[in-house]
Amino acid sequence: LEVQFVITGSNRHSQKEYRSYLQYLEYLNQHRPPPNSYEAFAKGYEDYLQCPLQPLMDNLESQTYEIFEKDHIKYSQYQQ
């Protein structure tokens, strides 16, 4: 995942040096926890807006139905 950052606000370090901020962001990136199963499954789809699928109206592939079945939140909401 390639992420871009926009840093705004007053610089509290030496003149126009953002190195401290960059080093901290790199530290956070290197020490983040490994992705859980949901994050690993969804990798690559984070930044794409998609139209909602309607399984009863659209002709969907079995792989798409498998994604629906892995949505635990949806099923817990149906039960409530």
N, C-alpha and C. Protein backbone atom coordinates (compact mmCIF):
# COMPACT_ATOMS: atom_id res chain seq x y z
N LEU A 1 0.85 -1.17 0.00
CA LEU A 1 0.00 0.00 0.00
C LEU A 1 0.89 1.23 0.00
N GLU A 2 0.75 2.06 -0.98
CA GLU A 2 1.53 3.29 -1.04
C GLU A 2 0.68 4.43 -0.51
N VAL A 3 1.16 5.04 0.56
CA VAL A 3 0.40 6.08 1.24
C VAL A 3 1.11 7.41 1.06
N GLN A 4 0.34 8.45 0.85
CA GLN A 4 0.88 9.80 0.77
C GLN A 4 0.40 10.57 1.98
N PHE A 5 1.28 11.39 2.54
CA PHE A 5 0.95 12.18 3.71
C PHE A 5 1.01 13.66 3.36
N VAL A 6 0.12 14.42 3.94
CA VAL A 6 0.15 15.88 3.85
C VAL A 6 0.37 16.38 5.27
N ILE A 7 1.49 17.03 5.49
CA ILE A 7 1.82 17.54 6.81
C ILE A 7 1.57 19.04 6.81
N THR A 8 0.69 19.48 7.72
CA THR A 8 0.36 20.90 7.81
C THR A 8 0.59 21.38 9.23
N GLY A 9 0.57 22.67 9.39
CA GLY A 9 0.73 23.25 10.73
C GLY A 9 2.12 23.83 10.90
N SER A 10 2.35 24.36 12.06
CA SER A 10 3.64 25.00 12.31
C SER A 10 4.71 23.93 12.51
N ASN A 11 5.90 24.22 12.01
CA ASN A 11 7.04 23.32 12.14
C ASN A 11 7.75 23.65 13.45
N ARG A 12 7.82 22.70 14.35
CA ARG A 12 8.42 22.95 15.66
C ARG A 12 9.89 22.55 15.70
N HIS A 13 10.44 22.25 14.57
CA HIS A 13 11.85 21.85 14.50
C HIS A 13 12.59 22.86 13.64
N SER A 14 13.83 22.54 13.28
CA SER A 14 14.66 23.49 12.54
C SER A 14 13.99 23.94 11.24
N GLN A 15 14.47 25.01 10.69
CA GLN A 15 13.88 25.67 9.51
C GLN A 15 13.54 24.68 8.39
N LYS A 16 12.27 24.56 8.12
CA LYS A 16 11.74 23.79 6.99
C LYS A 16 12.26 22.35 6.93
N GLU A 17 12.59 21.79 8.06
CA GLU A 17 13.03 20.39 8.11
C GLU A 17 11.89 19.52 8.61
N TYR A 18 11.45 18.64 7.78
CA TYR A 18 10.38 17.72 8.15
C TYR A 18 10.93 16.32 8.42
N ARG A 19 12.24 16.22 8.53
CA ARG A 19 12.87 14.92 8.71
C ARG A 19 12.37 14.21 9.98
N SER A 20 12.17 14.96 11.06
CA SER A 20 11.69 14.35 12.31
C SER A 20 10.32 13.72 12.11
N TYR A 21 9.45 14.41 11.38
CA TYR A 21 8.11 13.87 11.12
C TYR A 21 8.20 12.62 10.24
N LEU A 22 9.04 12.67 9.23
CA LEU A 22 9.21 11.53 8.34
C LEU A 22 9.76 10.33 9.09
N GLN A 23 10.75 10.57 9.96
CA GLN A 23 11.31 9.46 10.74
C GLN A 23 10.25 8.84 11.65
N TYR A 24 9.41 9.66 12.24
CA TYR A 24 8.36 9.13 13.11
C TYR A 24 7.34 8.31 12.32
N LEU A 25 6.97 8.80 11.13
CA LEU A 25 6.04 8.04 10.30
C LEU A 25 6.65 6.71 9.86
N GLU A 26 7.94 6.71 9.54
CA GLU A 26 8.62 5.47 9.18
C GLU A 26 8.66 4.51 10.37
N TYR A 27 8.89 5.04 11.56
CA TYR A 27 8.89 4.22 12.77
C TYR A 27 7.52 3.57 12.97
N LEU A 28 6.46 4.37 12.84
CA LEU A 28 5.11 3.81 12.99
C LEU A 28 4.83 2.72 11.96
N ASN A 29 5.28 2.94 10.73
CA ASN A 29 5.06 1.97 9.67
C ASN A 29 5.80 0.66 9.96
N GLN A 30 7.01 0.75 10.48
CA GLN A 30 7.81 -0.44 10.73
C GLN A 30 7.34 -1.21 11.97
N HIS A 31 6.67 -0.54 12.89
CA HIS A 31 6.27 -1.18 14.14
C HIS A 31 4.75 -1.42 14.23
N ARG A 32 4.07 -1.37 13.13
CA ARG A 32 2.63 -1.64 13.17
C ARG A 32 2.41 -3.15 13.29
N PRO A 33 1.31 -3.54 13.89
CA PRO A 33 1.05 -4.97 14.06
C PRO A 33 0.75 -5.62 12.71
N PRO A 34 0.98 -6.93 12.62
CA PRO A 34 0.66 -7.62 11.35
C PRO A 34 -0.83 -7.56 11.09
N PRO A 35 -1.23 -7.61 9.83
CA PRO A 35 -2.66 -7.52 9.51
C PRO A 35 -3.41 -8.75 10.02
N ASN A 36 -4.65 -8.52 10.46
CA ASN A 36 -5.49 -9.65 10.87
C ASN A 36 -6.07 -10.30 9.61
N SER A 37 -6.85 -11.34 9.78
CA SER A 37 -7.34 -12.09 8.62
C SER A 37 -8.24 -11.23 7.73
N TYR A 38 -9.05 -10.35 8.34
CA TYR A 38 -9.92 -9.49 7.53
C TYR A 38 -9.08 -8.50 6.72
N GLU A 39 -8.08 -7.87 7.35
CA GLU A 39 -7.24 -6.90 6.64
C GLU A 39 -6.45 -7.57 5.53
N ALA A 40 -5.96 -8.77 5.79
CA ALA A 40 -5.22 -9.50 4.75
C ALA A 40 -6.14 -9.86 3.58
N PHE A 41 -7.37 -10.24 3.89
CA PHE A 41 -8.33 -10.61 2.85
C PHE A 41 -8.71 -9.39 2.00
N ALA A 42 -8.84 -8.22 2.63
CA ALA A 42 -9.30 -7.01 1.93
C ALA A 42 -8.16 -6.24 1.28
N LYS A 43 -6.92 -6.68 1.44
CA LYS A 43 -5.78 -5.94 0.90
C LYS A 43 -5.94 -5.77 -0.61
N GLY A 44 -5.75 -4.55 -1.05
CA GLY A 44 -5.88 -4.23 -2.46
C GLY A 44 -7.20 -3.59 -2.82
N TYR A 45 -8.16 -3.63 -1.91
CA TYR A 45 -9.47 -3.05 -2.17
C TYR A 45 -9.74 -1.84 -1.30
N GLU A 46 -8.73 -1.34 -0.59
CA GLU A 46 -8.95 -0.28 0.40
C GLU A 46 -9.42 1.03 -0.22
N ASP A 47 -8.86 1.40 -1.33
CA ASP A 47 -9.07 2.74 -1.87
C ASP A 47 -10.01 2.78 -3.08
N TYR A 48 -10.87 1.83 -3.20
CA TYR A 48 -11.76 1.80 -4.35
C TYR A 48 -13.21 1.92 -3.90
N LEU A 49 -13.88 2.95 -4.38
CA LEU A 49 -15.32 3.06 -4.15
C LEU A 49 -16.02 2.19 -5.19
N GLN A 50 -16.92 1.38 -4.74
CA GLN A 50 -17.63 0.50 -5.65
C GLN A 50 -19.12 0.64 -5.41
N CYS A 51 -19.88 0.43 -6.45
CA CYS A 51 -21.34 0.43 -6.30
C CYS A 51 -21.73 -0.79 -5.47
N PRO A 52 -22.71 -0.64 -4.60
CA PRO A 52 -23.13 -1.79 -3.81
C PRO A 52 -23.70 -2.88 -4.71
N LEU A 53 -23.32 -4.10 -4.41
CA LEU A 53 -23.82 -5.23 -5.19
C LEU A 53 -25.16 -5.69 -4.64
N GLN A 54 -25.98 -6.16 -5.53
CA GLN A 54 -27.29 -6.69 -5.14
C GLN A 54 -27.34 -8.15 -5.59
N PRO A 55 -27.02 -9.06 -4.68
CA PRO A 55 -26.87 -10.47 -5.08
C PRO A 55 -28.11 -11.07 -5.72
N LEU A 56 -29.29 -10.62 -5.37
CA LEU A 56 -30.48 -11.22 -5.95
C LEU A 56 -30.80 -10.66 -7.34
N MET A 57 -30.24 -9.52 -7.67
CA MET A 57 -30.54 -8.89 -8.95
C MET A 57 -29.39 -9.05 -9.95
N ASP A 58 -28.15 -9.03 -9.45
CA ASP A 58 -26.99 -9.12 -10.32
C ASP A 58 -26.54 -10.57 -10.47
N ASN A 59 -25.98 -10.87 -11.62
CA ASN A 59 -25.42 -12.20 -11.83
C ASN A 59 -23.97 -12.16 -11.34
N LEU A 60 -23.74 -12.66 -10.13
CA LEU A 60 -22.44 -12.55 -9.50
C LEU A 60 -21.69 -13.87 -9.56
N GLU A 61 -20.36 -13.77 -9.58
CA GLU A 61 -19.53 -14.97 -9.56
C GLU A 61 -19.55 -15.59 -8.16
N SER A 62 -19.20 -16.85 -8.07
CA SER A 62 -19.19 -17.53 -6.77
C SER A 62 -18.18 -16.89 -5.82
N GLN A 63 -17.09 -16.36 -6.37
CA GLN A 63 -16.09 -15.69 -5.52
C GLN A 63 -16.70 -14.46 -4.84
N THR A 64 -17.57 -13.75 -5.53
CA THR A 64 -18.22 -12.59 -4.94
C THR A 64 -19.16 -13.01 -3.83
N TYR A 65 -19.89 -14.10 -4.03
CA TYR A 65 -20.76 -14.60 -2.96
C TYR A 65 -19.94 -15.01 -1.74
N GLU A 66 -18.75 -15.54 -1.98
CA GLU A 66 -17.87 -15.93 -0.88
C GLU A 66 -17.49 -14.71 -0.04
N ILE A 67 -17.28 -13.58 -0.70
CA ILE A 67 -16.97 -12.34 0.03
C ILE A 67 -18.16 -11.93 0.89
N PHE A 68 -19.37 -12.04 0.34
CA PHE A 68 -20.56 -11.72 1.12
C PHE A 68 -20.64 -12.61 2.36
N GLU A 69 -20.34 -13.88 2.20
CA GLU A 69 -20.46 -14.82 3.31
C GLU A 69 -19.43 -14.56 4.40
N LYS A 70 -18.31 -13.93 4.06
CA LYS A 70 -17.28 -13.64 5.06
C LYS A 70 -17.55 -12.34 5.81
N ASP A 71 -18.61 -11.66 5.48
CA ASP A 71 -18.95 -10.40 6.14
C ASP A 71 -19.72 -10.70 7.43
N HIS A 72 -18.98 -10.88 8.52
CA HIS A 72 -19.60 -11.26 9.80
C HIS A 72 -20.50 -10.15 10.33
N ILE A 73 -20.17 -8.91 10.09
CA ILE A 73 -20.97 -7.79 10.60
C ILE A 73 -22.36 -7.82 9.98
N LYS A 74 -22.42 -8.10 8.69
CA LYS A 74 -23.72 -8.15 8.01
C LYS A 74 -24.63 -9.19 8.67
N TYR A 75 -24.11 -10.37 8.93
CA TYR A 75 -24.93 -11.42 9.52
C TYR A 75 -25.32 -11.10 10.95
N SER A 76 -24.44 -10.46 11.71
CA SER A 76 -24.81 -10.09 13.08
C SER A 76 -25.90 -9.01 13.07
N GLN A 77 -25.87 -8.12 12.09
CA GLN A 77 -26.91 -7.09 11.98
C GLN A 77 -28.25 -7.72 11.60
N TYR A 78 -28.24 -8.75 10.75
CA TYR A 78 -29.48 -9.43 10.38
C TYR A 78 -30.13 -10.08 11.60
N GLN A 79 -29.30 -10.60 12.50
CA GLN A 79 -29.83 -11.29 13.68
C GLN A 79 -30.48 -10.33 14.67
N GLN A 80 -30.08 -9.07 14.65
CA GLN A 80 -30.61 -8.11 15.63
C GLN A 80 -31.96 -7.61 15.25
